[in-house]
Amino acid sequence: MKKYVAMIALGLATIAGTTYAQNAPQRENRNNYENRNDQNRGDRKQKGEFRRNADRRANISPEERANRRTEKLSQRLDLSKKQQKQLQALNLKQAREMESFRGQRNQPGTRNQNNREEMKRQHASYEKELKSILNKKQYAKYQEDRKQMQAQRENRNNLNGDNNGRFRRQNNG
């Protein structure tokens, strides 16, 4: 009799264990990263919505891009009307140059290193002209905001483990 009770208990435990194991979430190695990120996002948008927003950003005209950037900087830095007009002209110039870089990037046979150097020169020129438009206090605030945004971007990339396949060289010296 004791043997029958022990066998029935063992059988029930086995059935309960296999039933529980079937209800457990199954993981696939290649989707594990995506599942973890989806759970961490909470109420964030789905992957496809991020792509749609990126497409929308790509279709913005240089004029609209310059207007948005000017408005944002005007609010953050409390610019005068004269400064806003100068900044609008500068942002429009930069947006048009960046649009031409984007067009060149999509053409086959372009040299990336030359484009990168030209973009760096263009950015340095933008910074120089911006510095002449802003007063010292405004420019210091602008630099501080840029550093904070860069730190947030690096932090976000490090937390996600996503450097788009790029690794930074560490200086050992």
Protein backbone atom coordinates (compact mmCIF):
# COMPACT_ATOMS: atom_id res chain seq x y z
CA MET A 1 0.00 0.00 0.00
CA LYS A 2 2.83 2.40 0.85
CA LYS A 3 4.40 1.65 -2.52
CA TYR A 4 1.19 2.60 -4.36
CA VAL A 5 0.88 5.91 -2.47
CA ALA A 6 4.55 6.72 -3.14
CA MET A 7 4.17 5.89 -6.86
CA ILE A 8 0.99 8.00 -7.17
CA ALA A 9 2.69 10.94 -5.38
CA LEU A 10 5.73 10.62 -7.64
CA GLY A 11 3.51 10.45 -10.73
CA LEU A 12 1.53 13.54 -9.69
CA ALA A 13 4.77 15.44 -8.99
CA THR A 14 6.09 14.50 -12.44
CA ILE A 15 2.88 15.57 -14.18
CA ALA A 16 2.75 18.85 -12.24
CA GLY A 17 6.41 19.56 -13.03
CA THR A 18 6.05 18.98 -16.76
CA THR A 19 2.86 21.04 -16.88
CA TYR A 20 4.60 23.92 -15.10
CA ALA A 21 7.62 23.67 -17.41
CA GLN A 22 5.39 23.98 -20.47
CA ASN A 23 3.87 27.23 -19.19
CA ALA A 24 7.25 28.83 -18.52
CA PRO A 25 8.29 31.46 -21.07
CA GLN A 26 10.54 30.03 -23.73
CA ARG A 27 13.59 31.96 -24.86
CA GLU A 28 15.35 31.99 -28.14
CA ASN A 29 18.95 33.13 -28.12
CA ARG A 30 18.65 35.54 -31.01
CA ASN A 31 15.51 37.19 -29.63
CA ASN A 32 16.72 37.31 -26.04
CA TYR A 33 18.25 40.78 -26.43
CA GLU A 34 15.12 42.18 -28.08
CA ASN A 35 12.83 40.67 -25.44
CA ARG A 36 14.92 42.12 -22.63
CA ASN A 37 14.88 45.56 -24.23
CA ASP A 38 11.14 45.39 -24.88
CA GLN A 39 10.57 44.63 -21.21
CA ASN A 40 12.88 47.47 -20.13
CA ARG A 41 11.21 50.02 -22.37
CA GLY A 42 7.93 50.03 -20.49
CA ASP A 43 5.62 52.35 -22.37
CA ARG A 44 8.13 53.30 -25.05
CA LYS A 45 7.25 53.07 -28.69
CA GLN A 46 7.66 49.88 -30.66
CA LYS A 47 10.62 49.36 -32.97
CA GLY A 48 8.66 50.13 -36.12
CA GLU A 49 7.51 53.45 -34.73
CA PHE A 50 11.11 54.49 -34.15
CA ARG A 51 11.85 53.73 -37.79
CA ARG A 52 8.84 55.73 -38.94
CA ASN A 53 10.00 58.70 -36.88
CA ALA A 54 13.47 58.40 -38.38
CA ASP A 55 11.90 58.46 -41.85
CA ARG A 56 9.93 61.55 -40.89
CA ARG A 57 13.08 63.28 -39.68
CA ALA A 58 14.83 62.44 -42.94
CA ASN A 59 12.02 64.06 -44.95
CA ILE A 60 12.16 67.40 -43.12
CA SER A 61 13.22 70.28 -45.34
CA PRO A 62 16.36 72.25 -44.44
CA GLU A 63 14.19 75.32 -43.78
CA GLU A 64 12.02 73.43 -41.29
CA ARG A 65 15.10 71.94 -39.64
CA ALA A 66 16.64 75.42 -39.29
CA ASN A 67 13.40 76.81 -37.85
CA ARG A 68 13.17 74.07 -35.23
CA ARG A 69 16.79 74.44 -34.20
CA THR A 70 16.48 78.23 -33.98
CA GLU A 71 13.33 78.01 -31.86
CA LYS A 72 14.90 75.48 -29.52
CA LEU A 73 18.07 77.52 -29.03
CA SER A 74 16.09 80.75 -28.68
CA GLN A 75 14.10 79.27 -25.81
CA ARG A 76 17.08 77.73 -24.07
CA LEU A 77 19.40 80.72 -24.41
CA ASP A 78 16.88 83.60 -24.22
CA LEU A 79 18.01 85.25 -27.47
CA SER A 80 17.14 88.75 -28.64
CA LYS A 81 15.29 89.29 -31.94
CA LYS A 82 18.52 90.32 -33.65
CA GLN A 83 20.29 87.19 -32.41
CA GLN A 84 17.34 85.05 -33.54
CA LYS A 85 17.57 86.44 -37.08
CA GLN A 86 21.33 85.86 -37.23
CA LEU A 87 20.94 82.37 -35.80
CA GLN A 88 18.14 81.56 -38.26
CA ALA A 89 20.41 82.50 -41.19
CA LEU A 90 23.28 80.46 -39.74
CA ASN A 91 21.07 77.42 -39.07
CA LEU A 92 19.59 77.59 -42.56
CA LYS A 93 23.08 77.69 -44.07
CA GLN A 94 24.15 74.70 -41.98
CA ALA A 95 20.97 72.73 -42.72
CA ARG A 96 21.47 73.18 -46.47
CA GLU A 97 25.10 72.09 -46.24
CA MET A 98 24.13 69.03 -44.21
CA GLU A 99 21.44 68.20 -46.76
CA SER A 100 24.08 68.19 -49.49
CA PHE A 101 26.25 65.89 -47.35
CA ARG A 102 23.31 63.52 -46.94
CA GLY A 103 22.81 63.47 -50.69
CA GLN A 104 26.49 62.70 -51.28
CA ARG A 105 26.48 59.96 -48.67
CA ASN A 106 23.87 57.99 -50.60
CA GLN A 107 25.81 58.12 -53.86
CA PRO A 108 28.07 55.16 -54.62
CA GLY A 109 31.80 55.74 -54.82
CA THR A 110 32.01 58.67 -52.41
CA ARG A 111 34.91 58.80 -50.02
CA ASN A 112 33.73 58.73 -46.43
CA GLN A 113 36.94 60.09 -44.90
CA ASN A 114 36.86 63.21 -47.09
CA ASN A 115 33.21 63.78 -46.25
CA ARG A 116 33.93 63.33 -42.55
CA GLU A 117 36.75 65.88 -42.66
CA GLU A 118 34.58 68.34 -44.58
CA MET A 119 31.77 67.90 -42.05
CA LYS A 120 34.22 68.59 -39.21
CA ARG A 121 35.38 71.77 -40.93
CA GLN A 122 31.79 72.83 -41.50
CA HIS A 123 30.92 72.17 -37.85
CA ALA A 124 33.92 74.19 -36.66
CA SER A 125 32.81 77.05 -38.90
CA TYR A 126 29.28 76.82 -37.45
CA GLU A 127 30.63 76.92 -33.90
CA LYS A 128 32.81 79.93 -34.70
CA GLU A 129 29.91 81.89 -36.22
CA LEU A 130 27.60 80.85 -33.38
CA LYS A 131 30.12 82.11 -30.85
CA SER A 132 30.14 85.50 -32.59
CA ILE A 133 26.31 85.67 -32.41
CA LEU A 134 25.95 84.69 -28.75
CA ASN A 135 27.31 86.55 -25.75
CA LYS A 136 29.70 84.80 -23.35
CA LYS A 137 27.00 83.73 -20.91
CA GLN A 138 24.77 82.31 -23.67
CA TYR A 139 27.67 80.50 -25.32
CA ALA A 140 28.71 78.97 -21.98
CA LYS A 141 25.13 77.72 -21.48
CA TYR A 142 25.12 76.35 -25.03
CA GLN A 143 28.38 74.45 -24.41
CA GLU A 144 27.06 73.11 -21.09
CA ASP A 145 23.85 71.87 -22.74
CA ARG A 146 25.84 70.16 -25.51
CA LYS A 147 28.06 68.39 -22.98
CA GLN A 148 25.01 67.16 -21.05
CA MET A 149 23.35 65.88 -24.22
CA GLN A 150 26.54 64.11 -25.27
CA ALA A 151 26.89 62.50 -21.84
CA GLN A 152 23.26 61.33 -21.97
CA ARG A 153 23.78 59.89 -25.45
CA GLU A 154 26.93 58.02 -24.37
CA ASN A 155 25.20 56.78 -21.22
CA ARG A 156 22.22 55.56 -23.23
CA ASN A 157 24.52 53.76 -25.68
CA ASN A 158 26.54 52.17 -22.88
CA LEU A 159 23.42 51.00 -21.03
CA ASN A 160 21.97 49.42 -24.14
CA GLY A 161 25.32 47.97 -25.14
CA ASP A 162 24.70 49.48 -28.54
CA ASN A 163 27.58 51.29 -30.15
CA ASN A 164 26.41 50.38 -33.64
CA GLY A 165 29.35 48.03 -34.03
CA ARG A 166 31.86 50.76 -33.21
CA PHE A 167 34.39 50.47 -30.45
CA ARG A 168 36.27 53.39 -29.02
CA ARG A 169 40.01 53.21 -28.80
CA GLN A 170 41.21 53.66 -25.26
CA ASN A 171 44.15 55.94 -24.67
CA ASN A 172 46.73 54.17 -22.55
CA GLY A 173 49.14 56.87 -21.87
